[in-house]
Amino acid sequence: MKKYITLKSILDKELKNPGFKKEFNKQEILIRTAINIAKLREKHHMTQKQFADKLHTSQQAVSRIEKGNYNPSLVTLESIAEAFHKRVVVRFV
């Protein structure tokens, strides 16, 4: 009988490598941020273009953020939060 290798087992093994773990955690933060920003936009029933106009930026910039292809600065996150009467919360866990 074949033994199947799960993604979890591969990830558990790779996360023992400090370099991999550091990069994985960095990417996880970008993806979570991207998802939260996309959800905020969708909650307000806005297109990326409408969202960009409200933030005084381009639709392409919003797309890059939502895809996780751009690491938004704290200033950018604060601008997004302010435009929607929200606040940025950073937690260390």
PDB file of N, CA and C in Angstrom:
ATOM      1  N   MET A   1       0.836  -1.176   0.000  1.00  0.00           N
ATOM      2  CA  MET A   1       0.000   0.000   0.000  1.00  0.00           C
ATOM      3  C   MET A   1       0.890   1.252   0.000  1.00  0.00           C
ATOM      4  N   LYS A   2       0.538   2.197  -0.860  1.00  0.00           N
ATOM      5  CA  LYS A   2       1.306   3.432  -0.952  1.00  0.00           C
ATOM      6  C   LYS A   2       1.065   4.304   0.269  1.00  0.00           C
ATOM      7  N   LYS A   3       2.145   4.928   0.701  1.00  0.00           N
ATOM      8  CA  LYS A   3       2.032   5.895   1.789  1.00  0.00           C
ATOM      9  C   LYS A   3       1.955   7.279   1.155  1.00  0.00           C
ATOM     10  N   TYR A   4       0.911   8.004   1.482  1.00  0.00           N
ATOM     11  CA  TYR A   4       0.727   9.338   0.932  1.00  0.00           C
ATOM     12  C   TYR A   4       1.397  10.371   1.826  1.00  0.00           C
ATOM     13  N   ILE A   5       1.980  11.333   1.183  1.00  0.00           N
ATOM     14  CA  ILE A   5       2.615  12.429   1.902  1.00  0.00           C
ATOM     15  C   ILE A   5       1.646  13.609   1.867  1.00  0.00           C
ATOM     16  N   THR A   6       1.363  14.148   3.032  1.00  0.00           N
ATOM     17  CA  THR A   6       0.430  15.268   3.098  1.00  0.00           C
ATOM     18  C   THR A   6       1.180  16.595   3.022  1.00  0.00           C
ATOM     19  N   LEU A   7       0.466  17.601   2.603  1.00  0.00           N
ATOM     20  CA  LEU A   7       1.034  18.943   2.566  1.00  0.00           C
ATOM     21  C   LEU A   7       1.450  19.371   3.970  1.00  0.00           C
ATOM     22  N   LYS A   8       0.641  19.020   4.955  1.00  0.00           N
ATOM     23  CA  LYS A   8       0.955  19.373   6.340  1.00  0.00           C
ATOM     24  C   LYS A   8       2.280  18.763   6.773  1.00  0.00           C
ATOM     25  N   SER A   9       2.518  17.505   6.414  1.00  0.00           N
ATOM     26  CA  SER A   9       3.775  16.869   6.822  1.00  0.00           C
ATOM     27  C   SER A   9       4.979  17.537   6.146  1.00  0.00           C
ATOM     28  N   ILE A  10       4.815  17.922   4.898  1.00  0.00           N
ATOM     29  CA  ILE A  10       5.894  18.622   4.189  1.00  0.00           C
ATOM     30  C   ILE A  10       6.142  19.983   4.839  1.00  0.00           C
ATOM     31  N   LEU A  11       5.059  20.700   5.117  1.00  0.00           N
ATOM     32  CA  LEU A  11       5.178  22.018   5.728  1.00  0.00           C
ATOM     33  C   LEU A  11       5.798  21.927   7.116  1.00  0.00           C
ATOM     34  N   ASP A  12       5.357  20.958   7.905  1.00  0.00           N
ATOM     35  CA  ASP A  12       5.933  20.771   9.245  1.00  0.00           C
ATOM     36  C   ASP A  12       7.444  20.562   9.165  1.00  0.00           C
ATOM     37  N   LYS A  13       7.868  19.770   8.186  1.00  0.00           N
ATOM     38  CA  LYS A  13       9.300  19.504   8.011  1.00  0.00           C
ATOM     39  C   LYS A  13      10.036  20.772   7.581  1.00  0.00           C
ATOM     40  N   GLU A  14       9.481  21.477   6.603  1.00  0.00           N
ATOM     41  CA  GLU A  14      10.133  22.682   6.081  1.00  0.00           C
ATOM     42  C   GLU A  14      10.199  23.794   7.123  1.00  0.00           C
ATOM     43  N   LEU A  15       9.186  23.882   7.986  1.00  0.00           N
ATOM     44  CA  LEU A  15       9.160  24.943   8.995  1.00  0.00           C
ATOM     45  C   LEU A  15      10.235  24.774  10.060  1.00  0.00           C
ATOM     46  N   LYS A  16      10.910  23.634  10.065  1.00  0.00           N
ATOM     47  CA  LYS A  16      12.038  23.435  10.984  1.00  0.00           C
ATOM     48  C   LYS A  16      13.275  24.193  10.502  1.00  0.00           C
ATOM     49  N   ASN A  17      13.275  24.558   9.222  1.00  0.00           N
ATOM     50  CA  ASN A  17      14.362  25.342   8.639  1.00  0.00           C
ATOM     51  C   ASN A  17      14.096  26.817   8.960  1.00  0.00           C
ATOM     52  N   PRO A  18      14.981  27.473   9.736  1.00  0.00           N
ATOM     53  CA  PRO A  18      14.739  28.867  10.146  1.00  0.00           C
ATOM     54  C   PRO A  18      14.538  29.839   8.980  1.00  0.00           C
ATOM     55  N   GLY A  19      15.286  29.671   7.909  1.00  0.00           N
ATOM     56  CA  GLY A  19      15.143  30.553   6.751  1.00  0.00           C
ATOM     57  C   GLY A  19      13.787  30.396   6.089  1.00  0.00           C
ATOM     58  N   PHE A  20      13.366  29.149   5.927  1.00  0.00           N
ATOM     59  CA  PHE A  20      12.060  28.877   5.335  1.00  0.00           C
ATOM     60  C   PHE A  20      10.960  29.436   6.223  1.00  0.00           C
ATOM     61  N   LYS A  21      11.087  29.197   7.527  1.00  0.00           N
ATOM     62  CA  LYS A  21      10.060  29.653   8.472  1.00  0.00           C
ATOM     63  C   LYS A  21       9.923  31.172   8.441  1.00  0.00           C
ATOM     64  N   LYS A  22      11.039  31.870   8.376  1.00  0.00           N
ATOM     65  CA  LYS A  22      11.012  33.334   8.339  1.00  0.00           C
ATOM     66  C   LYS A  22      10.270  33.825   7.096  1.00  0.00           C
ATOM     67  N   GLU A  23      10.607  33.268   5.937  1.00  0.00           N
ATOM     68  CA  GLU A  23       9.961  33.675   4.687  1.00  0.00           C
ATOM     69  C   GLU A  23       8.488  33.273   4.676  1.00  0.00           C
ATOM     70  N   PHE A  24       8.181  32.088   5.188  1.00  0.00           N
ATOM     71  CA  PHE A  24       6.792  31.620   5.262  1.00  0.00           C
ATOM     72  C   PHE A  24       5.959  32.590   6.098  1.00  0.00           C
ATOM     73  N   ASN A  25       6.476  32.981   7.263  1.00  0.00           N
ATOM     74  CA  ASN A  25       5.751  33.902   8.142  1.00  0.00           C
ATOM     75  C   ASN A  25       5.553  35.262   7.485  1.00  0.00           C
ATOM     76  N   LYS A  26       6.559  35.716   6.754  1.00  0.00           N
ATOM     77  CA  LYS A  26       6.457  36.994   6.043  1.00  0.00           C
ATOM     78  C   LYS A  26       5.341  36.930   4.997  1.00  0.00           C
ATOM     79  N   GLN A  27       5.324  35.857   4.236  1.00  0.00           N
ATOM     80  CA  GLN A  27       4.297  35.699   3.203  1.00  0.00           C
ATOM     81  C   GLN A  27       2.906  35.547   3.814  1.00  0.00           C
ATOM     82  N   GLU A  28       2.829  34.874   4.943  1.00  0.00           N
ATOM     83  CA  GLU A  28       1.534  34.704   5.615  1.00  0.00           C
ATOM     84  C   GLU A  28       0.964  36.062   6.027  1.00  0.00           C
ATOM     85  N   ILE A  29       1.808  36.944   6.528  1.00  0.00           N
ATOM     86  CA  ILE A  29       1.365  38.287   6.914  1.00  0.00           C
ATOM     87  C   ILE A  29       0.853  39.044   5.686  1.00  0.00           C
ATOM     88  N   LEU A  30       1.580  38.958   4.578  1.00  0.00           N
ATOM     89  CA  LEU A  30       1.151  39.641   3.351  1.00  0.00           C
ATOM     90  C   LEU A  30      -0.200  39.129   2.873  1.00  0.00           C
ATOM     91  N   ILE A  31      -0.377  37.809   2.903  1.00  0.00           N
ATOM     92  CA  ILE A  31      -1.634  37.218   2.437  1.00  0.00           C
ATOM     93  C   ILE A  31      -2.789  37.597   3.353  1.00  0.00           C
ATOM     94  N   ARG A  32      -2.575  37.525   4.656  1.00  0.00           N
ATOM     95  CA  ARG A  32      -3.644  37.914   5.597  1.00  0.00           C
ATOM     96  C   ARG A  32      -4.016  39.388   5.419  1.00  0.00           C
ATOM     97  N   THR A  33      -3.024  40.227   5.226  1.00  0.00           N
ATOM     98  CA  THR A  33      -3.284  41.650   5.000  1.00  0.00           C
ATOM     99  C   THR A  33      -4.062  41.841   3.707  1.00  0.00           C
ATOM    100  N   ALA A  34      -3.651  41.159   2.659  1.00  0.00           N
ATOM    101  CA  ALA A  34      -4.329  41.250   1.364  1.00  0.00           C
ATOM    102  C   ALA A  34      -5.790  40.834   1.484  1.00  0.00           C
ATOM    103  N   ILE A  35      -6.039  39.738   2.172  1.00  0.00           N
ATOM    104  CA  ILE A  35      -7.409  39.243   2.346  1.00  0.00           C
ATOM    105  C   ILE A  35      -8.244  40.256   3.123  1.00  0.00           C
ATOM    106  N   ASN A  36      -7.684  40.805   4.192  1.00  0.00           N
ATOM    107  CA  ASN A  36      -8.430  41.784   4.992  1.00  0.00           C
ATOM    108  C   ASN A  36      -8.775  43.036   4.190  1.00  0.00           C
ATOM    109  N   ILE A  37      -7.854  43.488   3.366  1.00  0.00           N
ATOM    110  CA  ILE A  37      -8.113  44.678   2.547  1.00  0.00           C
ATOM    111  C   ILE A  37      -9.173  44.376   1.493  1.00  0.00           C
ATOM    112  N   ALA A  38      -9.086  43.218   0.854  1.00  0.00           N
ATOM    113  CA  ALA A  38     -10.095  42.837  -0.142  1.00  0.00           C
ATOM    114  C   ALA A  38     -11.474  42.708   0.502  1.00  0.00           C
ATOM    115  N   LYS A  39     -11.523  42.136   1.697  1.00  0.00           N
ATOM    116  CA  LYS A  39     -12.808  42.008   2.404  1.00  0.00           C
ATOM    117  C   LYS A  39     -13.387  43.375   2.749  1.00  0.00           C
ATOM    118  N   LEU A  40     -12.536  44.306   3.153  1.00  0.00           N
ATOM    119  CA  LEU A  40     -12.991  45.660   3.460  1.00  0.00           C
ATOM    120  C   LEU A  40     -13.606  46.298   2.218  1.00  0.00           C
ATOM    121  N   ARG A  41     -12.919  46.159   1.101  1.00  0.00           N
ATOM    122  CA  ARG A  41     -13.428  46.722  -0.160  1.00  0.00           C
ATOM    123  C   ARG A  41     -14.762  46.091  -0.536  1.00  0.00           C
ATOM    124  N   GLU A  42     -14.837  44.759  -0.456  1.00  0.00           N
ATOM    125  CA  GLU A  42     -16.064  44.052  -0.818  1.00  0.00           C
ATOM    126  C   GLU A  42     -17.211  44.391   0.132  1.00  0.00           C
ATOM    127  N   LYS A  43     -16.900  44.585   1.400  1.00  0.00           N
ATOM    128  CA  LYS A  43     -17.925  44.948   2.386  1.00  0.00           C
ATOM    129  C   LYS A  43     -18.597  46.266   2.006  1.00  0.00           C
ATOM    130  N   HIS A  44     -17.830  47.146   1.387  1.00  0.00           N
ATOM    131  CA  HIS A  44     -18.355  48.443   0.974  1.00  0.00           C
ATOM    132  C   HIS A  44     -18.861  48.417  -0.473  1.00  0.00           C
ATOM    133  N   HIS A  45     -18.957  47.216  -1.052  1.00  0.00           N
ATOM    134  CA  HIS A  45     -19.494  47.019  -2.413  1.00  0.00           C
ATOM    135  C   HIS A  45     -18.795  47.924  -3.423  1.00  0.00           C
ATOM    136  N   MET A  46     -17.468  47.925  -3.337  1.00  0.00           N
ATOM    137  CA  MET A  46     -16.681  48.778  -4.218  1.00  0.00           C
ATOM    138  C   MET A  46     -15.843  47.938  -5.172  1.00  0.00           C
ATOM    139  N   THR A  47     -15.655  48.466  -6.374  1.00  0.00           N
ATOM    140  CA  THR A  47     -14.696  47.864  -7.294  1.00  0.00           C
ATOM    141  C   THR A  47     -13.300  48.293  -6.850  1.00  0.00           C
ATOM    142  N   GLN A  48     -12.295  47.647  -7.419  1.00  0.00           N
ATOM    143  CA  GLN A  48     -10.926  48.072  -7.116  1.00  0.00           C
ATOM    144  C   GLN A  48     -10.705  49.516  -7.555  1.00  0.00           C
ATOM    145  N   LYS A  49     -11.300  49.898  -8.657  1.00  0.00           N
ATOM    146  CA  LYS A  49     -11.156  51.273  -9.163  1.00  0.00           C
ATOM    147  C   LYS A  49     -11.778  52.272  -8.192  1.00  0.00           C
ATOM    148  N   GLN A  50     -12.983  51.974  -7.702  1.00  0.00           N
ATOM    149  CA  GLN A  50     -13.643  52.865  -6.743  1.00  0.00           C
ATOM    150  C   GLN A  50     -12.834  52.962  -5.448  1.00  0.00           C
ATOM    151  N   PHE A  51     -12.328  51.819  -5.018  1.00  0.00           N
ATOM    152  CA  PHE A  51     -11.509  51.757  -3.803  1.00  0.00           C
ATOM    153  C   PHE A  51     -10.253  52.608  -3.993  1.00  0.00           C
ATOM    154  N   ALA A  52      -9.618  52.455  -5.148  1.00  0.00           N
ATOM    155  CA  ALA A  52      -8.399  53.212  -5.458  1.00  0.00           C
ATOM    156  C   ALA A  52      -8.676  54.711  -5.485  1.00  0.00           C
ATOM    157  N   ASP A  53      -9.791  55.097  -6.090  1.00  0.00           N
ATOM    158  CA  ASP A  53     -10.143  56.519  -6.147  1.00  0.00           C
ATOM    159  C   ASP A  53     -10.311  57.091  -4.739  1.00  0.00           C
ATOM    160  N   LYS A  54     -10.935  56.334  -3.868  1.00  0.00           N
ATOM    161  CA  LYS A  54     -11.137  56.787  -2.486  1.00  0.00           C
ATOM    162  C   LYS A  54      -9.797  56.953  -1.764  1.00  0.00           C
ATOM    163  N   LEU A  55      -8.822  56.120  -2.137  1.00  0.00           N
ATOM    164  CA  LEU A  55      -7.503  56.159  -1.499  1.00  0.00           C
ATOM    165  C   LEU A  55      -6.509  57.054  -2.241  1.00  0.00           C
ATOM    166  N   HIS A  56      -6.958  57.649  -3.348  1.00  0.00           N
ATOM    167  CA  HIS A  56      -6.095  58.507  -4.173  1.00  0.00           C
ATOM    168  C   HIS A  56      -4.873  57.732  -4.675  1.00  0.00           C
ATOM    169  N   THR A  57      -5.148  56.544  -5.188  1.00  0.00           N
ATOM    170  CA  THR A  57      -4.095  55.710  -5.772  1.00  0.00           C
ATOM    171  C   THR A  57      -4.651  55.061  -7.030  1.00  0.00           C
ATOM    172  N   SER A  58      -3.909  54.151  -7.612  1.00  0.00           N
ATOM    173  CA  SER A  58      -4.352  53.500  -8.847  1.00  0.00           C
ATOM    174  C   SER A  58      -5.018  52.154  -8.563  1.00  0.00           C
ATOM    175  N   GLN A  59      -5.822  51.726  -9.514  1.00  0.00           N
ATOM    176  CA  GLN A  59      -6.446  50.404  -9.417  1.00  0.00           C
ATOM    177  C   GLN A  59      -5.368  49.334  -9.402  1.00  0.00           C
ATOM    178  N   GLN A  60      -4.292  49.554 -10.138  1.00  0.00           N
ATOM    179  CA  GLN A  60      -3.198  48.589 -10.188  1.00  0.00           C
ATOM    180  C   GLN A  60      -2.551  48.427  -8.814  1.00  0.00           C
ATOM    181  N   ALA A  61      -2.422  49.521  -8.079  1.00  0.00           N
ATOM    182  CA  ALA A  61      -1.839  49.449  -6.732  1.00  0.00           C
ATOM    183  C   ALA A  61      -2.732  48.629  -5.809  1.00  0.00           C
ATOM    184  N   VAL A  62      -4.039  48.843  -5.903  1.00  0.00           N
ATOM    185  CA  VAL A  62      -4.983  48.065  -5.090  1.00  0.00           C
ATOM    186  C   VAL A  62      -4.888  46.592  -5.467  1.00  0.00           C
ATOM    187  N   SER A  63      -4.807  46.301  -6.747  1.00  0.00           N
ATOM    188  CA  SER A  63      -4.690  44.920  -7.209  1.00  0.00           C
ATOM    189  C   SER A  63      -3.442  44.249  -6.649  1.00  0.00           C
ATOM    190  N   ARG A  64      -2.305  44.948  -6.694  1.00  0.00           N
ATOM    191  CA  ARG A  64      -1.057  44.382  -6.166  1.00  0.00           C
ATOM    192  C   ARG A  64      -1.177  44.091  -4.671  1.00  0.00           C
ATOM    193  N   ILE A  65      -1.800  45.004  -3.932  1.00  0.00           N
ATOM    194  CA  ILE A  65      -1.979  44.788  -2.494  1.00  0.00           C
ATOM    195  C   ILE A  65      -2.871  43.575  -2.257  1.00  0.00           C
ATOM    196  N   GLU A  66      -3.996  43.497  -2.971  1.00  0.00           N
ATOM    197  CA  GLU A  66      -4.953  42.406  -2.764  1.00  0.00           C
ATOM    198  C   GLU A  66      -4.403  41.048  -3.207  1.00  0.00           C
ATOM    199  N   LYS A  67      -3.448  41.043  -4.111  1.00  0.00           N
ATOM    200  CA  LYS A  67      -2.825  39.787  -4.542  1.00  0.00           C
ATOM    201  C   LYS A  67      -1.692  39.367  -3.617  1.00  0.00           C
ATOM    202  N   GLY A  68      -1.316  40.246  -2.698  1.00  0.00           N
ATOM    203  CA  GLY A  68      -0.190  39.944  -1.818  1.00  0.00           C
ATOM    204  C   GLY A  68       1.147  40.154  -2.499  1.00  0.00           C
ATOM    205  N   ASN A  69       1.137  40.889  -3.628  1.00  0.00           N
ATOM    206  CA  ASN A  69       2.369  41.151  -4.381  1.00  0.00           C
ATOM    207  C   ASN A  69       3.051  42.444  -3.963  1.00  0.00           C
ATOM    208  N   TYR A  70       2.527  43.077  -2.949  1.00  0.00           N
ATOM    209  CA  TYR A  70       3.062  44.364  -2.503  1.00  0.00           C
ATOM    210  C   TYR A  70       3.003  44.385  -0.985  1.00  0.00           C
ATOM    211  N   ASN A  71       4.064  44.838  -0.377  1.00  0.00           N
ATOM    212  CA  ASN A  71       4.126  44.919   1.077  1.00  0.00           C
ATOM    213  C   ASN A  71       3.760  46.346   1.482  1.00  0.00           C
ATOM    214  N   PRO A  72       2.481  46.575   1.839  1.00  0.00           N
ATOM    215  CA  PRO A  72       2.077  47.942   2.161  1.00  0.00           C
ATOM    216  C   PRO A  72       2.734  48.440   3.446  1.00  0.00           C
ATOM    217  N   SER A  73       3.133  49.690   3.427  1.00  0.00           N
ATOM    218  CA  SER A  73       3.739  50.291   4.618  1.00  0.00           C
ATOM    219  C   SER A  73       2.653  50.559   5.657  1.00  0.00           C
ATOM    220  N   LEU A  74       3.091  50.837   6.859  1.00  0.00           N
ATOM    221  CA  LEU A  74       2.145  51.189   7.914  1.00  0.00           C
ATOM    222  C   LEU A  74       1.394  52.462   7.536  1.00  0.00           C
ATOM    223  N   VAL A  75       2.058  53.376   6.877  1.00  0.00           N
ATOM    224  CA  VAL A  75       1.408  54.613   6.422  1.00  0.00           C
ATOM    225  C   VAL A  75       0.284  54.287   5.439  1.00  0.00           C
ATOM    226  N   THR A  76       0.539  53.365   4.505  1.00  0.00           N
ATOM    227  CA  THR A  76      -0.489  52.952   3.547  1.00  0.00           C
ATOM    228  C   THR A  76      -1.659  52.304   4.265  1.00  0.00           C
ATOM    229  N   LEU A  77      -1.370  51.414   5.202  1.00  0.00           N
ATOM    230  CA  LEU A  77      -2.439  50.750   5.956  1.00  0.00           C
ATOM    231  C   LEU A  77      -3.254  51.761   6.756  1.00  0.00           C
ATOM    232  N   GLU A  78      -2.577  52.747   7.336  1.00  0.00           N
ATOM    233  CA  GLU A  78      -3.287  53.793   8.086  1.00  0.00           C
ATOM    234  C   GLU A  78      -4.170  54.629   7.159  1.00  0.00           C
ATOM    235  N   SER A  79      -3.713  54.891   5.946  1.00  0.00           N
ATOM    236  CA  SER A  79      -4.515  55.643   4.972  1.00  0.00           C
ATOM    237  C   SER A  79      -5.771  54.872   4.600  1.00  0.00           C
ATOM    238  N   ILE A  80      -5.619  53.576   4.394  1.00  0.00           N
ATOM    239  CA  ILE A  80      -6.773  52.728   4.079  1.00  0.00           C
ATOM    240  C   ILE A  80      -7.748  52.741   5.253  1.00  0.00           C
ATOM    241  N   ALA A  81      -7.227  52.539   6.448  1.00  0.00           N
ATOM    242  CA  ALA A  81      -8.074  52.511   7.642  1.00  0.00           C
ATOM    243  C   ALA A  81      -8.814  53.838   7.816  1.00  0.00           C
ATOM    244  N   GLU A  82      -8.102  54.929   7.680  1.00  0.00           N
ATOM    245  CA  GLU A  82      -8.702  56.256   7.864  1.00  0.00           C
ATOM    246  C   GLU A  82      -9.812  56.516   6.851  1.00  0.00           C
ATOM    247  N   ALA A  83      -9.613  56.105   5.613  1.00  0.00           N
ATOM    248  CA  ALA A  83     -10.609  56.318   4.563  1.00  0.00           C
ATOM    249  C   ALA A  83     -11.923  55.600   4.864  1.00  0.00           C
ATOM    250  N   PHE A  84     -11.853  54.555   5.682  1.00  0.00           N
ATOM    251  CA  PHE A  84     -13.046  53.773   6.004  1.00  0.00           C
ATOM    252  C   PHE A  84     -13.406  53.845   7.486  1.00  0.00           C
ATOM    253  N   HIS A  85     -12.878  54.865   8.153  1.00  0.00           N
ATOM    254  CA  HIS A  85     -13.171  55.085   9.580  1.00  0.00           C
ATOM    255  C   HIS A  85     -12.860  53.845  10.414  1.00  0.00           C
ATOM    256  N   LYS A  86     -11.730  53.256  10.114  1.00  0.00           N
ATOM    257  CA  LYS A  86     -11.231  52.083  10.844  1.00  0.00           C
ATOM    258  C   LYS A  86      -9.892  52.450  11.458  1.00  0.00           C
ATOM    259  N   ARG A  87      -9.316  51.511  12.167  1.00  0.00           N
ATOM    260  CA  ARG A  87      -7.979  51.724  12.707  1.00  0.00           C
ATOM    261  C   ARG A  87      -7.147  50.474  12.464  1.00  0.00           C
ATOM    262  N   VAL A  88      -5.862  50.650  12.426  1.00  0.00           N
ATOM    263  CA  VAL A  88      -4.927  49.541  12.240  1.00  0.00           C
ATOM    264  C   VAL A  88      -4.546  49.025  13.621  1.00  0.00           C
ATOM    265  N   VAL A  89      -4.593  47.707  13.781  1.00  0.00           N
ATOM    266  CA  VAL A  89      -4.200  47.077  15.037  1.00  0.00           C
ATOM    267  C   VAL A  89      -3.096  46.074  14.727  1.00  0.00           C
ATOM    268  N   VAL A  90      -1.983  46.194  15.425  1.00  0.00           N
ATOM    269  CA  VAL A  90      -0.874  45.253  15.270  1.00  0.00           C
ATOM    270  C   VAL A  90      -0.796  44.439  16.548  1.00  0.00           C
ATOM    271  N   ARG A  91      -0.770  43.115  16.396  1.00  0.00           N
ATOM    272  CA  ARG A  91      -0.669  42.243  17.570  1.00  0.00           C
ATOM    273  C   ARG A  91       0.546  41.350  17.421  1.00  0.00           C
ATOM    274  N   PHE A  92       1.235  41.135  18.505  1.00  0.00           N
ATOM    275  CA  PHE A  92       2.338  40.188  18.540  1.00  0.00           C
ATOM    276  C   PHE A  92       1.845  38.976  19.316  1.00  0.00           C
ATOM    277  N   VAL A  93       1.840  37.837  18.655  1.00  0.00           N
ATOM    278  CA  VAL A  93       1.349  36.614  19.309  1.00  0.00           C
ATOM    279  C   VAL A  93       2.409  35.542  19.297  1.00  0.00           C
TER     280      VAL A  93
END
